[in-house]
Amino acid sequence: MPDDEDGGTRALPAGPNALCFTCGGLRKLSEPRLYAVQATEDLQTGMTLSEWRSCPQCSGKGYLNGLNPPM
């Protein structure tokens, strides 16, 4: 059984399954956000940081049940 991120083991899916084509099996998607940072009193800069969220296609499983071709 493969190791889970939390240190435990997760069960393998039974039956013919397809890798999630939205997240690529990572179970998470990167969502970029723009932040404005004031470096000095005269200078304001923007930076992009990524936040992770669960994949909406596979609900965070990393695979889809059955053989689902990408649309």
Protein backbone atom coordinates (compact mmCIF):
# COMPACT_ATOMS: atom_id res chain seq x y z
CA MET A 1 0.00 0.00 0.00
CA PRO A 2 1.32 3.49 -0.78
CA ASP A 3 2.13 5.90 2.01
CA ASP A 4 -0.19 8.83 2.60
CA GLU A 5 1.00 12.42 3.20
CA ASP A 6 0.04 12.10 6.87
CA GLY A 7 2.34 9.12 7.39
CA GLY A 8 -0.44 6.51 7.25
CA THR A 9 -1.33 4.16 4.46
CA ARG A 10 -4.20 4.62 2.07
CA ALA A 11 -6.05 1.85 0.30
CA LEU A 12 -5.71 1.48 -3.44
CA PRO A 13 -8.89 2.04 -5.45
CA ALA A 14 -10.59 -1.14 -6.70
CA GLY A 15 -11.62 -1.64 -10.29
CA PRO A 16 -10.64 0.19 -13.45
CA ASN A 17 -10.00 3.79 -12.51
CA ALA A 18 -8.57 6.78 -14.31
CA LEU A 19 -6.02 9.26 -13.02
CA CYS A 20 -7.69 12.63 -12.42
CA PHE A 21 -6.84 14.77 -15.45
CA THR A 22 -7.51 18.03 -13.60
CA CYS A 23 -4.96 17.64 -10.79
CA GLY A 24 -2.86 14.88 -12.36
CA GLY A 25 -3.18 12.70 -9.25
CA LEU A 26 -1.76 15.32 -6.87
CA ARG A 27 -5.17 15.70 -5.15
CA LYS A 28 -4.63 19.48 -4.89
CA LEU A 29 -4.66 22.50 -7.19
CA SER A 30 -2.60 25.64 -6.87
CA GLU A 31 -4.68 28.81 -6.73
CA PRO A 32 -2.57 31.95 -7.30
CA ARG A 33 -3.41 35.08 -5.32
CA LEU A 34 -2.04 38.60 -5.75
CA TYR A 35 -0.86 40.35 -2.60
CA ALA A 36 0.15 44.01 -2.29
CA VAL A 37 3.12 44.52 0.01
CA GLN A 38 4.35 47.89 1.22
CA ALA A 39 8.15 47.58 1.20
CA THR A 40 8.85 51.19 2.22
CA GLU A 41 6.78 54.32 2.70
CA ASP A 42 7.28 55.27 -0.97
CA LEU A 43 7.22 51.87 -2.65
CA GLN A 44 4.37 49.37 -2.90
CA THR A 45 4.91 46.13 -4.76
CA GLY A 46 2.73 43.19 -5.68
CA MET A 47 3.63 39.55 -5.44
CA THR A 48 1.87 36.37 -6.41
CA LEU A 49 1.65 33.56 -3.87
CA SER A 50 0.00 30.19 -4.34
CA GLU A 51 -2.51 28.62 -2.01
CA TRP A 52 -3.50 24.97 -2.26
CA ARG A 53 -7.09 23.73 -2.41
CA SER A 54 -8.66 20.31 -2.96
CA CYS A 55 -9.35 19.29 -6.53
CA PRO A 56 -13.05 19.82 -7.35
CA GLN A 57 -13.05 17.13 -10.07
CA CYS A 58 -11.95 14.15 -7.94
CA SER A 59 -12.82 15.58 -4.48
CA GLY A 60 -9.21 15.20 -3.36
CA LYS A 61 -8.91 11.47 -4.19
CA GLY A 62 -6.47 11.80 -7.12
CA TYR A 63 -8.40 9.35 -9.30
CA LEU A 64 -11.81 9.07 -10.95
CA ASN A 65 -13.98 5.94 -10.72
CA GLY A 66 -14.25 4.05 -13.97
CA LEU A 67 -12.62 4.99 -17.23
CA ASN A 68 -13.50 8.64 -17.82
CA PRO A 69 -11.95 10.20 -20.91
CA PRO A 70 -11.10 13.92 -20.61
CA MET A 71 -13.75 16.21 -22.03
